[in-house]
PDB file of N, CA and C in Angstrom:
ATOM      1  N   MET A   1       0.837  -1.109  -0.046  1.00  0.00           N
ATOM      2  CA  MET A   1      -0.176   0.092  -0.183  1.00  0.00           C
ATOM      3  C   MET A   1       0.688   1.280  -0.275  1.00  0.00           C
ATOM      4  N   ASN A   2       2.439   0.773   0.212  1.00  0.00           N
ATOM      5  CA  ASN A   2       2.750   2.297   0.176  1.00  0.00           C
ATOM      6  C   ASN A   2       3.369   2.537  -1.349  1.00  0.00           C
ATOM      7  N   ASP A   3       2.933   1.936  -2.094  1.00  0.00           N
ATOM      8  CA  ASP A   3       3.743   2.363  -3.643  1.00  0.00           C
ATOM      9  C   ASP A   3       2.525   3.050  -3.911  1.00  0.00           C
ATOM     10  N   PRO A   4       2.671   4.237  -4.271  1.00  0.00           N
ATOM     11  CA  PRO A   4       1.656   4.822  -5.430  1.00  0.00           C
ATOM     12  C   PRO A   4       1.347   4.365  -6.264  1.00  0.00           C
ATOM     13  N   GLU A   5       2.636   3.686  -7.519  1.00  0.00           N
ATOM     14  CA  GLU A   5       2.050   3.409  -8.614  1.00  0.00           C
ATOM     15  C   GLU A   5       0.867   1.933  -8.133  1.00  0.00           C
ATOM     16  N   GLY A   6       1.268   1.436  -7.182  1.00  0.00           N
ATOM     17  CA  GLY A   6      -0.183   0.520  -7.043  1.00  0.00           C
ATOM     18  C   GLY A   6      -1.383   0.688  -6.844  1.00  0.00           C
ATOM     19  N   ILE A   7      -1.416   2.234  -6.927  1.00  0.00           N
ATOM     20  CA  ILE A   7      -3.074   2.409  -6.521  1.00  0.00           C
ATOM     21  C   ILE A   7      -3.458   2.969  -7.502  1.00  0.00           C
ATOM     22  N   THR A   8      -4.888   2.880  -7.900  1.00  0.00           N
ATOM     23  CA  THR A   8      -5.879   2.714  -8.761  1.00  0.00           C
ATOM     24  C   THR A   8      -7.189   3.190  -8.652  1.00  0.00           C
ATOM     25  N   TYR A   9      -7.795   4.452  -8.947  1.00  0.00           N
ATOM     26  CA  TYR A   9      -8.698   5.332  -8.655  1.00  0.00           C
ATOM     27  C   TYR A   9      -9.509   5.050  -9.848  1.00  0.00           C
ATOM     28  N   HIS A  10     -10.832   5.294  -9.148  1.00  0.00           N
ATOM     29  CA  HIS A  10     -12.112   5.078 -10.218  1.00  0.00           C
ATOM     30  C   HIS A  10     -13.307   6.000  -9.753  1.00  0.00           C
ATOM     31  N   HIS A  11     -13.766   6.735 -10.998  1.00  0.00           N
ATOM     32  CA  HIS A  11     -14.687   7.716 -10.645  1.00  0.00           C
ATOM     33  C   HIS A  11     -16.052   6.780 -10.340  1.00  0.00           C
ATOM     34  N   THR A  12     -16.528   7.359  -9.464  1.00  0.00           N
ATOM     35  CA  THR A  12     -17.981   7.065  -9.115  1.00  0.00           C
ATOM     36  C   THR A  12     -18.959   6.562 -10.219  1.00  0.00           C
ATOM     37  N   VAL A  13     -18.978   7.009 -11.068  1.00  0.00           N
ATOM     38  CA  VAL A  13     -19.645   7.074 -12.787  1.00  0.00           C
ATOM     39  C   VAL A  13     -19.181   5.561 -12.994  1.00  0.00           C
ATOM     40  N   PHE A  14     -17.952   5.563 -13.075  1.00  0.00           N
ATOM     41  CA  PHE A  14     -17.225   4.217 -13.793  1.00  0.00           C
ATOM     42  C   PHE A  14     -17.477   3.174 -12.546  1.00  0.00           C
ATOM     43  N   CYS A  15     -17.672   3.206 -11.322  1.00  0.00           N
ATOM     44  CA  CYS A  15     -17.871   2.325  -9.975  1.00  0.00           C
ATOM     45  C   CYS A  15     -19.246   1.617 -10.574  1.00  0.00           C
ATOM     46  N   GLN A  16     -20.279   2.499 -11.351  1.00  0.00           N
ATOM     47  CA  GLN A  16     -21.522   2.228 -11.346  1.00  0.00           C
ATOM     48  C   GLN A  16     -21.892   1.855 -12.462  1.00  0.00           C
ATOM     49  N   THR A  17     -21.578   2.229 -13.533  1.00  0.00           N
ATOM     50  CA  THR A  17     -21.986   2.062 -14.761  1.00  0.00           C
ATOM     51  C   THR A  17     -20.237   1.272 -15.712  1.00  0.00           C
ATOM     52  N   GLY A  18     -20.157   1.527 -16.528  1.00  0.00           N
ATOM     53  CA  GLY A  18     -18.799   1.205 -17.690  1.00  0.00           C
ATOM     54  C   GLY A  18     -18.873   1.303 -18.728  1.00  0.00           C
ATOM     55  N   LEU A  19     -18.146   0.965 -19.787  1.00  0.00           N
ATOM     56  CA  LEU A  19     -17.647   0.910 -20.890  1.00  0.00           C
ATOM     57  C   LEU A  19     -18.093  -0.715 -21.318  1.00  0.00           C
ATOM     58  N   PRO A  20     -18.180  -0.487 -23.005  1.00  0.00           N
ATOM     59  CA  PRO A  20     -18.230  -2.028 -23.317  1.00  0.00           C
ATOM     60  C   PRO A  20     -17.595  -2.894 -23.256  1.00  0.00           C
ATOM     61  N   TYR A  21     -17.791  -4.224 -23.114  1.00  0.00           N
ATOM     62  CA  TYR A  21     -16.739  -4.951 -22.908  1.00  0.00           C
ATOM     63  C   TYR A  21     -16.272  -5.501 -24.054  1.00  0.00           C
ATOM     64  N   ARG A  22     -16.941  -5.755 -25.332  1.00  0.00           N
ATOM     65  CA  ARG A  22     -16.768  -5.896 -26.207  1.00  0.00           C
ATOM     66  C   ARG A  22     -16.597  -4.817 -27.275  1.00  0.00           C
ATOM     67  N   ASN A  23     -16.619  -4.949 -28.322  1.00  0.00           N
ATOM     68  CA  ASN A  23     -16.446  -4.206 -29.868  1.00  0.00           C
ATOM     69  C   ASN A  23     -17.658  -4.019 -29.768  1.00  0.00           C
ATOM     70  N   PRO A  24     -18.941  -3.059 -29.767  1.00  0.00           N
ATOM     71  CA  PRO A  24     -20.014  -3.131 -30.060  1.00  0.00           C
ATOM     72  C   PRO A  24     -19.935  -2.947 -31.795  1.00  0.00           C
ATOM     73  N   GLY A  25     -19.601  -2.752 -32.197  1.00  0.00           N
ATOM     74  CA  GLY A  25     -19.090  -2.957 -33.796  1.00  0.00           C
ATOM     75  C   GLY A  25     -18.973  -1.010 -34.658  1.00  0.00           C
ATOM     76  N   GLU A  26     -18.545  -1.421 -35.561  1.00  0.00           N
ATOM     77  CA  GLU A  26     -18.328   0.366 -36.021  1.00  0.00           C
ATOM     78  C   GLU A  26     -19.215   1.152 -36.607  1.00  0.00           C
ATOM     79  N   ASN A  27     -20.707   0.676 -36.592  1.00  0.00           N
ATOM     80  CA  ASN A  27     -21.435   1.347 -36.873  1.00  0.00           C
ATOM     81  C   ASN A  27     -22.336   1.712 -35.603  1.00  0.00           C
ATOM     82  N   ILE A  28     -21.960   1.174 -34.457  1.00  0.00           N
ATOM     83  CA  ILE A  28     -22.231   2.095 -32.921  1.00  0.00           C
ATOM     84  C   ILE A  28     -21.341   2.832 -32.795  1.00  0.00           C
ATOM     85  N   ARG A  29     -22.012   4.422 -32.490  1.00  0.00           N
ATOM     86  CA  ARG A  29     -21.408   5.823 -32.346  1.00  0.00           C
ATOM     87  C   ARG A  29     -21.845   6.208 -30.885  1.00  0.00           C
ATOM     88  N   LEU A  30     -22.816   5.381 -30.420  1.00  0.00           N
ATOM     89  CA  LEU A  30     -23.232   6.110 -29.043  1.00  0.00           C
ATOM     90  C   LEU A  30     -23.326   4.999 -28.251  1.00  0.00           C
ATOM     91  N   TRP A  31     -22.986   5.101 -26.520  1.00  0.00           N
ATOM     92  CA  TRP A  31     -23.309   4.078 -25.617  1.00  0.00           C
ATOM     93  C   TRP A  31     -23.169   4.849 -24.209  1.00  0.00           C
ATOM     94  N   GLU A  32     -24.499   4.044 -23.972  1.00  0.00           N
ATOM     95  CA  GLU A  32     -25.340   5.057 -22.781  1.00  0.00           C
ATOM     96  C   GLU A  32     -25.700   3.475 -21.531  1.00  0.00           C
ATOM     97  N   GLN A  33     -25.315   4.271 -20.313  1.00  0.00           N
ATOM     98  CA  GLN A  33     -25.516   3.347 -19.473  1.00  0.00           C
ATOM     99  C   GLN A  33     -25.996   3.932 -18.365  1.00  0.00           C
ATOM    100  N   LYS A  34     -26.863   3.359 -17.668  1.00  0.00           N
ATOM    101  CA  LYS A  34     -27.321   4.007 -16.227  1.00  0.00           C
ATOM    102  C   LYS A  34     -27.789   2.515 -15.501  1.00  0.00           C
ATOM    103  N   GLN A  35     -27.182   3.481 -14.074  1.00  0.00           N
ATOM    104  CA  GLN A  35     -27.242   2.467 -12.960  1.00  0.00           C
ATOM    105  C   GLN A  35     -28.103   3.757 -11.706  1.00  0.00           C
ATOM    106  N   GLY A  36     -29.187   3.464 -11.164  1.00  0.00           N
ATOM    107  CA  GLY A  36     -29.683   4.209 -10.217  1.00  0.00           C
ATOM    108  C   GLY A  36     -29.935   5.508 -11.021  1.00  0.00           C
ATOM    109  N   LYS A  37     -28.961   6.371 -10.127  1.00  0.00           N
ATOM    110  CA  LYS A  37     -29.184   8.138 -10.719  1.00  0.00           C
ATOM    111  C   LYS A  37     -27.943   8.474 -11.377  1.00  0.00           C
ATOM    112  N   ALA A  38     -26.970   7.360 -11.389  1.00  0.00           N
ATOM    113  CA  ALA A  38     -25.762   7.704 -12.343  1.00  0.00           C
ATOM    114  C   ALA A  38     -25.988   7.415 -13.337  1.00  0.00           C
ATOM    115  N   ILE A  39     -25.684   7.996 -14.779  1.00  0.00           N
ATOM    116  CA  ILE A  39     -26.049   7.971 -16.393  1.00  0.00           C
ATOM    117  C   ILE A  39     -24.574   8.117 -16.899  1.00  0.00           C
ATOM    118  N   LEU A  40     -23.693   7.340 -17.855  1.00  0.00           N
ATOM    119  CA  LEU A  40     -22.680   7.389 -18.395  1.00  0.00           C
ATOM    120  C   LEU A  40     -23.257   7.629 -20.305  1.00  0.00           C
ATOM    121  N   GLU A  41     -22.798   8.665 -20.507  1.00  0.00           N
ATOM    122  CA  GLU A  41     -23.077   8.573 -22.292  1.00  0.00           C
ATOM    123  C   GLU A  41     -21.463   9.006 -22.619  1.00  0.00           C
ATOM    124  N   VAL A  42     -21.226   7.991 -23.681  1.00  0.00           N
ATOM    125  CA  VAL A  42     -19.788   8.221 -24.365  1.00  0.00           C
ATOM    126  C   VAL A  42     -20.306   7.899 -25.762  1.00  0.00           C
ATOM    127  N   SER A  43     -19.650   9.100 -26.712  1.00  0.00           N
ATOM    128  CA  SER A  43     -19.875   9.062 -28.113  1.00  0.00           C
ATOM    129  C   SER A  43     -18.500   8.940 -28.471  1.00  0.00           C
ATOM    130  N   ALA A  44     -18.823   8.167 -30.007  1.00  0.00           N
ATOM    131  CA  ALA A  44     -17.221   7.797 -30.524  1.00  0.00           C
ATOM    132  C   ALA A  44     -16.567   9.251 -31.231  1.00  0.00           C
ATOM    133  N   GLY A  45     -15.577   9.326 -31.180  1.00  0.00           N
ATOM    134  CA  GLY A  45     -14.823  10.883 -31.954  1.00  0.00           C
ATOM    135  C   GLY A  45     -14.306  10.552 -33.362  1.00  0.00           C
ATOM    136  N   ARG A  46     -13.775  11.707 -33.472  1.00  0.00           N
ATOM    137  CA  ARG A  46     -12.646  11.555 -34.934  1.00  0.00           C
ATOM    138  C   ARG A  46     -11.457  11.898 -34.393  1.00  0.00           C
ATOM    139  N   VAL A  47     -10.427  11.833 -35.342  1.00  0.00           N
ATOM    140  CA  VAL A  47      -9.117  12.158 -34.886  1.00  0.00           C
ATOM    141  C   VAL A  47      -8.479  12.231 -36.070  1.00  0.00           C
ATOM    142  N   ILE A  48      -7.268  12.978 -35.969  1.00  0.00           N
ATOM    143  CA  ILE A  48      -5.947  13.549 -37.336  1.00  0.00           C
ATOM    144  C   ILE A  48      -5.693  12.191 -37.695  1.00  0.00           C
ATOM    145  N   ASN A  49      -5.436  11.620 -38.550  1.00  0.00           N
ATOM    146  CA  ASN A  49      -5.003  11.138 -39.118  1.00  0.00           C
ATOM    147  C   ASN A  49      -3.365  11.058 -39.683  1.00  0.00           C
ATOM    148  N   PRO A  50      -2.332  10.890 -38.676  1.00  0.00           N
ATOM    149  CA  PRO A  50      -0.805  11.494 -39.073  1.00  0.00           C
ATOM    150  C   PRO A  50      -0.297  11.413 -40.099  1.00  0.00           C
ATOM    151  N   SER A  51      -0.815  10.627 -41.010  1.00  0.00           N
ATOM    152  CA  SER A  51      -0.311  10.023 -42.380  1.00  0.00           C
ATOM    153  C   SER A  51      -0.911  11.294 -43.606  1.00  0.00           C
ATOM    154  N   THR A  52      -2.350  11.413 -43.096  1.00  0.00           N
ATOM    155  CA  THR A  52      -2.771  11.901 -43.904  1.00  0.00           C
ATOM    156  C   THR A  52      -3.503  13.221 -43.512  1.00  0.00           C
ATOM    157  N   PHE A  53      -3.375  13.952 -42.545  1.00  0.00           N
ATOM    158  CA  PHE A  53      -3.638  14.786 -42.082  1.00  0.00           C
ATOM    159  C   PHE A  53      -5.343  15.331 -42.692  1.00  0.00           C
ATOM    160  N   GLU A  54      -5.907  13.966 -42.398  1.00  0.00           N
ATOM    161  CA  GLU A  54      -7.550  13.913 -42.333  1.00  0.00           C
ATOM    162  C   GLU A  54      -8.334  13.580 -41.249  1.00  0.00           C
ATOM    163  N   PHE A  55      -9.196  14.177 -40.951  1.00  0.00           N
ATOM    164  CA  PHE A  55     -10.288  13.467 -40.017  1.00  0.00           C
ATOM    165  C   PHE A  55     -11.014  12.347 -39.993  1.00  0.00           C
ATOM    166  N   VAL A  56     -10.723  10.986 -39.203  1.00  0.00           N
ATOM    167  CA  VAL A  56     -11.201   9.625 -39.405  1.00  0.00           C
ATOM    168  C   VAL A  56     -11.781   9.627 -38.034  1.00  0.00           C
ATOM    169  N   ASN A  57     -12.761   8.704 -38.207  1.00  0.00           N
ATOM    170  CA  ASN A  57     -13.771   8.123 -37.318  1.00  0.00           C
ATOM    171  C   ASN A  57     -13.110   7.219 -36.651  1.00  0.00           C
ATOM    172  N   VAL A  58     -13.055   7.096 -35.063  1.00  0.00           N
ATOM    173  CA  VAL A  58     -12.702   5.960 -34.147  1.00  0.00           C
ATOM    174  C   VAL A  58     -13.427   5.366 -33.339  1.00  0.00           C
ATOM    175  N   GLY A  59     -13.578   3.862 -33.276  1.00  0.00           N
ATOM    176  CA  GLY A  59     -14.893   3.564 -32.542  1.00  0.00           C
ATOM    177  C   GLY A  59     -14.870   3.975 -30.731  1.00  0.00           C
ATOM    178  N   LEU A  60     -15.699   3.276 -30.205  1.00  0.00           N
ATOM    179  CA  LEU A  60     -15.995   3.531 -29.112  1.00  0.00           C
ATOM    180  C   LEU A  60     -15.091   2.918 -28.132  1.00  0.00           C
ATOM    181  N   PRO A  61     -14.489   3.299 -27.069  1.00  0.00           N
ATOM    182  CA  PRO A  61     -13.703   2.713 -26.214  1.00  0.00           C
ATOM    183  C   PRO A  61     -14.058   1.287 -25.579  1.00  0.00           C
ATOM    184  N   PHE A  62     -13.311   0.093 -25.827  1.00  0.00           N
ATOM    185  CA  PHE A  62     -13.883  -1.127 -24.656  1.00  0.00           C
ATOM    186  C   PHE A  62     -13.053  -1.978 -24.725  1.00  0.00           C
ATOM    187  N   GLY A  63     -13.472  -2.797 -23.589  1.00  0.00           N
ATOM    188  CA  GLY A  63     -12.306  -4.148 -22.759  1.00  0.00           C
ATOM    189  C   GLY A  63     -12.829  -4.211 -21.684  1.00  0.00           C
ATOM    190  N   PRO A  64     -11.917  -5.011 -21.336  1.00  0.00           N
ATOM    191  CA  PRO A  64     -12.184  -5.437 -19.903  1.00  0.00           C
ATOM    192  C   PRO A  64     -11.465  -4.434 -18.717  1.00  0.00           C
ATOM    193  N   ASN A  65     -12.387  -4.109 -17.835  1.00  0.00           N
ATOM    194  CA  ASN A  65     -11.456  -2.897 -16.843  1.00  0.00           C
ATOM    195  C   ASN A  65     -10.071  -4.092 -16.413  1.00  0.00           C
ATOM    196  N   ARG A  66      -8.936  -3.282 -16.198  1.00  0.00           N
ATOM    197  CA  ARG A  66      -7.487  -3.453 -15.818  1.00  0.00           C
ATOM    198  C   ARG A  66      -7.086  -2.850 -15.136  1.00  0.00           C
ATOM    199  N   GLY A  67      -8.278  -2.005 -14.075  1.00  0.00           N
ATOM    200  CA  GLY A  67      -7.401  -0.834 -13.004  1.00  0.00           C
ATOM    201  C   GLY A  67      -7.521  -1.707 -11.912  1.00  0.00           C
TER     202      GLY A  67
END
């Protein structure tokens, strides 16, 4: 417990809700979870492709919590 690198903190909304465990697919651009009064909405975004300097769609974050 004395190693600060070993401590993980989670926001209370993430403790009550969560991101998709598996890839929801490229066509899903919005993820919403509700648990009690906590509501989480995540929308997929766009980033600059460093090779072309054009915006490209990126999917929703997903995967198991490794915190």
